[in-house]
Amino acid sequence: MTKKKILIVDDEKGILDALKREIDWMKLQIEIVTTINPMYAMDLIDSGEFAMVIVDQRMPSISGMDVIRHAKKTHPEVLRVLMSAYDDMDLLIMNFNQQNIDFFISKPWIRKDIHHIVNRMMTA
């Protein structure tokens, strides 16, 4: 089995650490790469190594949607997941309709939602 890679981007290190604890990534043959810097995340995405990107919407320098749009433009095959603690239905509807995001994770998340999204990536 080829090891898949997931990039997780959030300006809060605690969130990154918590997501890394959610699933037995090694058992699933998944490598996790994390960063608190969305600009660096776009450089990482350019490498074309990721099967999925999970990005927080609200970050200090640029929005998560900017990172997601970059992923869609440069590697449209990558599953794109937006994460947010805020309930912005207009943003969600617009970006689902424009096919910018494949999944949404609300904070705090429900463990089964994370598992469902990862399972979808593994079968893609």
C-alpha atoms as a PDB file:
ATOM      1  CA  MET A   1       0.000   0.000   0.000  1.00  0.00           C
ATOM      2  CA  THR A   2       1.340   3.426  -0.938  1.00  0.00           C
ATOM      3  CA  LYS A   3       1.509   5.831   1.965  1.00  0.00           C
ATOM      4  CA  LYS A   4      -0.810   8.827   1.447  1.00  0.00           C
ATOM      5  CA  LYS A   5      -0.058  12.282   2.801  1.00  0.00           C
ATOM      6  CA  ILE A   6      -2.366  14.796   4.444  1.00  0.00           C
ATOM      7  CA  LEU A   7      -1.486  18.446   5.010  1.00  0.00           C
ATOM      8  CA  ILE A   8      -3.187  20.103   7.997  1.00  0.00           C
ATOM      9  CA  VAL A   9      -3.020  23.892   8.291  1.00  0.00           C
ATOM     10  CA  ASP A  10      -4.137  25.821  11.376  1.00  0.00           C
ATOM     11  CA  ASP A  11      -2.633  28.825  13.139  1.00  0.00           C
ATOM     12  CA  GLU A  12      -3.242  27.097  16.497  1.00  0.00           C
ATOM     13  CA  LYS A  13      -0.670  24.407  17.270  1.00  0.00           C
ATOM     14  CA  GLY A  14      -3.027  22.814  19.802  1.00  0.00           C
ATOM     15  CA  ILE A  15      -5.558  22.111  17.043  1.00  0.00           C
ATOM     16  CA  LEU A  16      -2.861  20.517  14.875  1.00  0.00           C
ATOM     17  CA  ASP A  17      -1.757  18.312  17.770  1.00  0.00           C
ATOM     18  CA  ALA A  18      -5.349  17.304  18.563  1.00  0.00           C
ATOM     19  CA  LEU A  19      -6.059  16.300  14.964  1.00  0.00           C
ATOM     20  CA  LYS A  20      -2.889  14.228  14.888  1.00  0.00           C
ATOM     21  CA  ARG A  21      -4.205  12.297  17.931  1.00  0.00           C
ATOM     22  CA  GLU A  22      -7.629  11.588  16.395  1.00  0.00           C
ATOM     23  CA  ILE A  23      -6.673   8.605  14.232  1.00  0.00           C
ATOM     24  CA  ASP A  24      -3.997   5.932  14.198  1.00  0.00           C
ATOM     25  CA  TRP A  25      -2.380   7.447  11.107  1.00  0.00           C
ATOM     26  CA  MET A  26       0.526   4.975  11.051  1.00  0.00           C
ATOM     27  CA  LYS A  27      -1.824   2.002  11.005  1.00  0.00           C
ATOM     28  CA  LEU A  28      -3.596   3.527   8.000  1.00  0.00           C
ATOM     29  CA  GLN A  29      -0.294   4.211   6.216  1.00  0.00           C
ATOM     30  CA  ILE A  30      -0.939   7.974   6.232  1.00  0.00           C
ATOM     31  CA  GLU A  31       1.753  10.580   6.738  1.00  0.00           C
ATOM     32  CA  ILE A  32       0.646  13.804   8.398  1.00  0.00           C
ATOM     33  CA  VAL A  33       2.357  17.117   7.657  1.00  0.00           C
ATOM     34  CA  THR A  34       1.298  20.157   9.700  1.00  0.00           C
ATOM     35  CA  THR A  35       2.024  23.850   9.580  1.00  0.00           C
ATOM     36  CA  ILE A  36       0.786  26.986  11.314  1.00  0.00           C
ATOM     37  CA  ASN A  37       1.853  29.090   8.302  1.00  0.00           C
ATOM     38  CA  PRO A  38      -0.674  29.229   5.427  1.00  0.00           C
ATOM     39  CA  MET A  39       1.855  30.763   3.006  1.00  0.00           C
ATOM     40  CA  TYR A  40       4.224  27.848   3.656  1.00  0.00           C
ATOM     41  CA  ALA A  41       1.266  25.488   3.194  1.00  0.00           C
ATOM     42  CA  MET A  42       0.809  26.779  -0.354  1.00  0.00           C
ATOM     43  CA  ASP A  43       4.482  26.034  -1.070  1.00  0.00           C
ATOM     44  CA  LEU A  44       3.966  22.515   0.289  1.00  0.00           C
ATOM     45  CA  ILE A  45       0.860  22.046  -1.856  1.00  0.00           C
ATOM     46  CA  ASP A  46       2.890  22.990  -4.919  1.00  0.00           C
ATOM     47  CA  SER A  47       4.969  19.844  -4.379  1.00  0.00           C
ATOM     48  CA  GLY A  48       1.962  17.753  -5.425  1.00  0.00           C
ATOM     49  CA  GLU A  49       2.551  15.187  -2.692  1.00  0.00           C
ATOM     50  CA  PHE A  50      -0.759  15.431  -0.826  1.00  0.00           C
ATOM     51  CA  ALA A  51      -3.953  13.425  -1.191  1.00  0.00           C
ATOM     52  CA  MET A  52      -5.822  15.799   1.125  1.00  0.00           C
ATOM     53  CA  VAL A  53      -5.501  19.249   2.670  1.00  0.00           C
ATOM     54  CA  ILE A  54      -7.380  20.228   5.828  1.00  0.00           C
ATOM     55  CA  VAL A  55      -7.315  23.988   6.374  1.00  0.00           C
ATOM     56  CA  ASP A  56      -8.698  26.289   9.064  1.00  0.00           C
ATOM     57  CA  GLN A  57     -10.742  29.154   7.618  1.00  0.00           C
ATOM     58  CA  ARG A  58      -9.712  31.995   9.936  1.00  0.00           C
ATOM     59  CA  MET A  59      -5.984  32.618  10.180  1.00  0.00           C
ATOM     60  CA  PRO A  60      -4.121  35.896  10.711  1.00  0.00           C
ATOM     61  CA  SER A  61      -2.346  36.328   7.372  1.00  0.00           C
ATOM     62  CA  ILE A  62      -4.657  34.805   4.747  1.00  0.00           C
ATOM     63  CA  SER A  63      -7.887  32.849   4.853  1.00  0.00           C
ATOM     64  CA  GLY A  64      -8.166  29.114   4.628  1.00  0.00           C
ATOM     65  CA  MET A  65     -10.212  29.563   1.459  1.00  0.00           C
ATOM     66  CA  ASP A  66      -7.209  31.249  -0.170  1.00  0.00           C
ATOM     67  CA  VAL A  67      -5.157  28.132   0.588  1.00  0.00           C
ATOM     68  CA  ILE A  68      -7.958  25.860  -0.651  1.00  0.00           C
ATOM     69  CA  ARG A  69      -8.371  27.809  -3.896  1.00  0.00           C
ATOM     70  CA  HIS A  70      -4.619  27.507  -4.437  1.00  0.00           C
ATOM     71  CA  ALA A  71      -4.847  23.735  -3.924  1.00  0.00           C
ATOM     72  CA  LYS A  72      -7.757  23.500  -6.370  1.00  0.00           C
ATOM     73  CA  LYS A  73      -5.921  25.552  -8.999  1.00  0.00           C
ATOM     74  CA  THR A  74      -2.581  23.733  -8.756  1.00  0.00           C
ATOM     75  CA  HIS A  75      -3.734  20.195  -7.859  1.00  0.00           C
ATOM     76  CA  PRO A  76      -7.489  19.786  -8.439  1.00  0.00           C
ATOM     77  CA  GLU A  77      -7.321  16.070  -7.583  1.00  0.00           C
ATOM     78  CA  VAL A  78      -6.513  16.830  -3.933  1.00  0.00           C
ATOM     79  CA  LEU A  79      -9.431  16.467  -1.501  1.00  0.00           C
ATOM     80  CA  ARG A  80     -10.012  19.868   0.096  1.00  0.00           C
ATOM     81  CA  VAL A  81     -11.412  20.156   3.616  1.00  0.00           C
ATOM     82  CA  LEU A  82     -12.320  23.464   5.269  1.00  0.00           C
ATOM     83  CA  MET A  83     -12.375  23.664   9.061  1.00  0.00           C
ATOM     84  CA  SER A  84     -13.962  26.443  11.098  1.00  0.00           C
ATOM     85  CA  ALA A  85     -15.274  27.243  14.556  1.00  0.00           C
ATOM     86  CA  TYR A  86     -17.595  29.833  13.023  1.00  0.00           C
ATOM     87  CA  ASP A  87     -20.972  29.143  11.478  1.00  0.00           C
ATOM     88  CA  ASP A  88     -20.759  30.966   8.149  1.00  0.00           C
ATOM     89  CA  MET A  89     -23.372  29.219   6.024  1.00  0.00           C
ATOM     90  CA  ASP A  90     -23.053  31.679   3.131  1.00  0.00           C
ATOM     91  CA  LEU A  91     -19.336  30.915   2.831  1.00  0.00           C
ATOM     92  CA  LEU A  92     -19.988  27.167   2.956  1.00  0.00           C
ATOM     93  CA  ILE A  93     -22.797  27.175   0.420  1.00  0.00           C
ATOM     94  CA  MET A  94     -20.887  29.371  -2.013  1.00  0.00           C
ATOM     95  CA  ASN A  95     -17.741  27.229  -1.827  1.00  0.00           C
ATOM     96  CA  PHE A  96     -19.594  23.916  -2.091  1.00  0.00           C
ATOM     97  CA  ASN A  97     -21.485  25.266  -5.101  1.00  0.00           C
ATOM     98  CA  GLN A  98     -18.236  26.414  -6.718  1.00  0.00           C
ATOM     99  CA  GLN A  99     -16.715  23.001  -5.910  1.00  0.00           C
ATOM    100  CA  ASN A 100     -13.888  24.607  -3.948  1.00  0.00           C
ATOM    101  CA  ILE A 101     -14.319  22.339  -0.916  1.00  0.00           C
ATOM    102  CA  ASP A 102     -15.131  18.655  -0.696  1.00  0.00           C
ATOM    103  CA  PHE A 103     -15.844  18.508   3.050  1.00  0.00           C
ATOM    104  CA  PHE A 104     -16.385  20.787   6.020  1.00  0.00           C
ATOM    105  CA  ILE A 105     -15.314  20.124   9.608  1.00  0.00           C
ATOM    106  CA  SER A 106     -16.768  22.270  12.373  1.00  0.00           C
ATOM    107  CA  LYS A 107     -14.763  22.980  15.499  1.00  0.00           C
ATOM    108  CA  PRO A 108     -15.111  21.321  17.852  1.00  0.00           C
ATOM    109  CA  TRP A 109     -15.276  18.324  15.546  1.00  0.00           C
ATOM    110  CA  ILE A 110     -16.936  14.967  15.947  1.00  0.00           C
ATOM    111  CA  ARG A 111     -14.476  12.088  15.745  1.00  0.00           C
ATOM    112  CA  LYS A 112     -16.646  10.044  13.355  1.00  0.00           C
ATOM    113  CA  ASP A 113     -16.641  12.958  10.882  1.00  0.00           C
ATOM    114  CA  ILE A 114     -12.842  12.900  10.765  1.00  0.00           C
ATOM    115  CA  HIS A 115     -12.890   9.128  10.269  1.00  0.00           C
ATOM    116  CA  HIS A 116     -15.469   9.412   7.474  1.00  0.00           C
ATOM    117  CA  ILE A 117     -13.413  11.990   5.585  1.00  0.00           C
ATOM    118  CA  VAL A 118     -10.186   9.995   5.941  1.00  0.00           C
ATOM    119  CA  ASN A 119     -11.957   6.830   4.772  1.00  0.00           C
ATOM    120  CA  ARG A 120     -13.181   8.687   1.673  1.00  0.00           C
ATOM    121  CA  MET A 121      -9.591   9.737   0.909  1.00  0.00           C
ATOM    122  CA  MET A 122      -8.305   6.192   1.362  1.00  0.00           C
ATOM    123  CA  THR A 123     -10.822   4.811  -1.133  1.00  0.00           C
ATOM    124  CA  ALA A 124     -10.316   7.574  -3.700  1.00  0.00           C
END
